[in-house]
Amino acid sequence: MNWNFLSFFLNQEESFFEFNTNLLETNVFNILILIGLLVYANKVSFSQTLTDRQSEIITIIENAQNDVVNASNYYYQAEKGLTQSLFWLQTWKVFYQQEKLDIVNRKYKIVKAGFIETFATTENLVNNCETKTFLSLQRYVIYFTVSKILRQFLFLTNGEQSKLLEIILLKLGGSKK
């Protein structure tokens, strides 16, 4: 068995490198190098991507939780202000004459419309944050599931892959040829 690949010496007695003419040994060596490179590339690319995506989702969820807390605090303060406003409006109603009652009712309606608009905006903000978070989580789950399925599919033999594809096509409404 001759393991020398290329010859750099002019004398033929003891060469440093020569071409290996044994195809079986060369192919096994090449395949092992290729498999090592593929495993390394897969580990490097997917681990960093998944780690980045996980930290991004955690950040989004934490931001959404902070937004919900802030919206709840804002809602509490607005509700407290509304209660105080209602109390003052009721007090003014008693003391004013009938002609002043119209002014109070108009102010009451303006304040009420403003609070209703504020509450609707806050509720929309909370709903949008929840929707964004859910969509991001849903995309991550789909990405993770597809990568797992693809990894499993790539480990099948060619015969198993073609049989699996044939079954999938039949179930999706394809015809068997």
Protein backbone atom coordinates (compact mmCIF):
# COMPACT_ATOMS: atom_id res chain seq x y z
CA MET A 1 0.00 0.00 0.00
CA ASN A 2 1.56 3.28 -1.15
CA TRP A 3 0.37 6.42 0.68
CA ASN A 4 2.52 8.95 -1.15
CA PHE A 5 0.57 11.49 -3.19
CA LEU A 6 2.92 13.80 -5.14
CA SER A 7 6.57 13.34 -5.92
CA PHE A 8 8.81 16.29 -5.17
CA PHE A 9 12.09 14.47 -5.35
CA LEU A 10 13.88 13.56 -8.54
CA ASN A 11 15.21 10.26 -7.29
CA GLN A 12 12.77 7.39 -7.50
CA GLU A 13 14.07 5.50 -4.53
CA GLU A 14 12.32 7.39 -1.78
CA SER A 15 9.66 9.80 -2.89
CA PHE A 16 7.92 12.20 -0.55
CA PHE A 17 4.55 12.45 -2.36
CA GLU A 18 3.16 10.43 -5.25
CA PHE A 19 -0.22 9.96 -6.92
CA ASN A 20 -2.27 7.25 -5.29
CA THR A 21 -3.69 5.02 -7.99
CA ASN A 22 -5.85 3.01 -5.62
CA LEU A 23 -9.28 4.58 -6.29
CA LEU A 24 -11.03 2.91 -3.37
CA GLU A 25 -8.68 4.36 -0.73
CA THR A 26 -8.73 7.81 -2.34
CA ASN A 27 -12.54 7.93 -2.52
CA VAL A 28 -12.97 6.84 1.09
CA PHE A 29 -10.52 9.53 2.15
CA ASN A 30 -12.33 12.17 0.07
CA ILE A 31 -15.75 11.12 1.38
CA LEU A 32 -14.55 11.33 4.98
CA ILE A 33 -13.20 14.83 4.36
CA LEU A 34 -16.49 15.86 2.71
CA ILE A 35 -18.61 14.47 5.55
CA GLY A 36 -16.42 16.24 8.10
CA LEU A 37 -16.76 19.55 6.26
CA LEU A 38 -20.55 19.17 5.93
CA VAL A 39 -21.02 18.37 9.62
CA TYR A 40 -18.85 21.34 10.60
CA ALA A 41 -20.67 23.74 8.23
CA ASN A 42 -24.07 22.53 9.44
CA LYS A 43 -23.12 22.96 13.07
CA VAL A 44 -21.65 26.42 12.59
CA SER A 45 -24.44 27.83 10.42
CA PHE A 46 -27.50 26.45 12.19
CA SER A 47 -26.32 26.87 15.78
CA GLN A 48 -25.63 30.58 15.35
CA THR A 49 -28.88 31.19 13.43
CA LEU A 50 -30.99 29.36 15.99
CA THR A 51 -29.26 31.12 18.88
CA ASP A 52 -29.80 34.53 17.27
CA ARG A 53 -33.45 33.76 16.53
CA GLN A 54 -34.04 32.49 20.06
CA SER A 55 -32.57 35.63 21.63
CA GLU A 56 -34.61 37.79 19.24
CA ILE A 57 -37.84 36.01 20.21
CA ILE A 58 -37.01 36.34 23.92
CA THR A 59 -36.40 40.07 23.42
CA ILE A 60 -39.70 40.47 21.57
CA ILE A 61 -41.60 38.62 24.31
CA GLU A 62 -39.96 40.72 27.05
CA ASN A 63 -40.77 43.92 25.16
CA ALA A 64 -44.37 42.77 24.72
CA GLN A 65 -44.64 42.02 28.43
CA ASN A 66 -43.29 45.48 29.27
CA ASP A 67 -45.75 47.03 26.83
CA VAL A 68 -48.64 45.16 28.46
CA VAL A 69 -47.55 46.34 31.93
CA ASN A 70 -47.22 49.93 30.70
CA ALA A 71 -50.60 49.76 28.98
CA SER A 72 -52.19 48.37 32.15
CA ASN A 73 -50.67 51.18 34.24
CA TYR A 74 -51.85 53.75 31.72
CA TYR A 75 -55.31 52.22 31.71
CA TYR A 76 -55.42 52.32 35.52
CA GLN A 77 -54.37 55.97 35.60
CA ALA A 78 -56.89 56.89 32.91
CA GLU A 79 -59.66 55.02 34.72
CA LYS A 80 -58.74 56.80 37.95
CA GLY A 81 -58.83 60.13 36.11
CA LEU A 82 -62.17 59.24 34.59
CA THR A 83 -63.58 58.46 38.03
CA GLN A 84 -62.36 61.79 39.37
CA SER A 85 -63.74 63.60 36.35
CA LEU A 86 -67.10 61.92 36.78
CA PHE A 87 -67.15 62.91 40.45
CA TRP A 88 -66.42 66.58 39.66
CA LEU A 89 -68.94 66.63 36.85
CA GLN A 90 -71.64 65.31 39.17
CA THR A 91 -70.78 67.93 41.78
CA TRP A 92 -70.94 70.74 39.24
CA LYS A 93 -74.30 69.52 37.99
CA VAL A 94 -75.85 69.99 41.39
CA PHE A 95 -74.56 73.54 41.87
CA TYR A 96 -75.15 75.01 38.46
CA GLN A 97 -78.39 76.24 37.11
CA GLN A 98 -80.19 74.63 34.22
CA GLU A 99 -78.55 76.87 31.61
CA LYS A 100 -75.07 75.83 32.81
CA LEU A 101 -76.05 72.15 32.67
CA ASP A 102 -75.60 72.14 28.88
CA ILE A 103 -71.94 73.24 29.18
CA VAL A 104 -71.21 70.49 31.68
CA ASN A 105 -72.82 67.85 29.45
CA ARG A 106 -70.73 68.95 26.48
CA LYS A 107 -67.50 68.78 28.51
CA TYR A 108 -68.50 65.39 29.84
CA LYS A 109 -69.04 64.08 26.32
CA ILE A 110 -65.69 65.46 25.14
CA VAL A 111 -63.83 63.87 28.06
CA LYS A 112 -65.68 60.59 27.59
CA ALA A 113 -64.93 60.49 23.86
CA GLY A 114 -61.26 61.22 24.57
CA PHE A 115 -61.03 58.40 27.08
CA ILE A 116 -62.86 56.00 24.80
CA GLU A 117 -60.43 56.87 22.01
CA THR A 118 -57.47 56.45 24.38
CA PHE A 119 -58.74 53.07 25.59
CA ALA A 120 -59.32 51.91 22.00
CA THR A 121 -55.78 52.96 21.06
CA THR A 122 -54.31 51.19 24.09
CA GLU A 123 -56.32 48.05 23.35
CA ASN A 124 -55.15 48.12 19.71
CA LEU A 125 -51.54 48.49 20.88
CA VAL A 126 -51.84 45.47 23.17
CA ASN A 127 -53.55 43.42 20.43
CA ASN A 128 -50.86 44.35 17.89
CA CYS A 129 -48.08 43.37 20.30
CA GLU A 130 -49.76 40.04 21.03
CA THR A 131 -50.27 39.38 17.31
CA LYS A 132 -46.64 40.22 16.46
CA THR A 133 -45.36 37.99 19.24
CA PHE A 134 -47.61 35.11 18.19
CA LEU A 135 -46.58 35.42 14.54
CA SER A 136 -42.88 35.50 15.46
CA LEU A 137 -43.31 32.42 17.63
CA GLN A 138 -45.30 30.68 14.89
CA ARG A 139 -42.56 31.41 12.32
CA TYR A 140 -39.91 30.06 14.66
CA VAL A 141 -41.88 26.85 15.27
CA ILE A 142 -42.38 26.36 11.51
CA TYR A 143 -38.69 27.05 10.81
CA PHE A 144 -37.59 24.65 13.53
CA THR A 145 -40.03 21.91 12.36
CA VAL A 146 -39.00 22.22 8.72
CA SER A 147 -35.31 22.02 9.63
CA LYS A 148 -35.93 18.86 11.69
CA ILE A 149 -37.93 17.24 8.85
CA LEU A 150 -35.27 18.17 6.30
CA ARG A 151 -32.52 16.69 8.47
CA GLN A 152 -34.47 13.43 8.83
CA PHE A 153 -35.18 13.34 5.08
CA LEU A 154 -31.50 13.80 4.22
CA PHE A 155 -30.51 10.80 6.35
CA LEU A 156 -32.80 8.47 4.37
CA THR A 157 -31.43 6.35 1.55
CA ASN A 158 -32.33 7.21 -2.03
CA GLY A 159 -34.88 4.40 -2.15
CA GLU A 160 -36.52 5.52 1.07
CA GLN A 161 -36.54 9.14 -0.13
CA SER A 162 -38.22 8.25 -3.43
CA LYS A 163 -40.77 6.01 -1.66
CA LEU A 164 -41.57 8.81 0.82
CA LEU A 165 -41.99 11.34 -1.98
CA GLU A 166 -44.24 8.94 -3.90
CA ILE A 167 -46.48 8.44 -0.84
CA ILE A 168 -46.67 12.19 -0.24
CA LEU A 169 -47.60 12.87 -3.86
CA LEU A 170 -50.29 10.17 -3.76
CA LYS A 171 -51.79 11.69 -0.61
CA LEU A 172 -51.71 15.17 -2.15
CA GLY A 173 -53.75 13.95 -5.12
CA GLY A 174 -51.04 12.94 -7.57
CA SER A 175 -51.28 9.87 -9.70
CA LYS A 176 -48.95 6.88 -9.59
CA LYS A 177 -47.10 6.27 -12.87
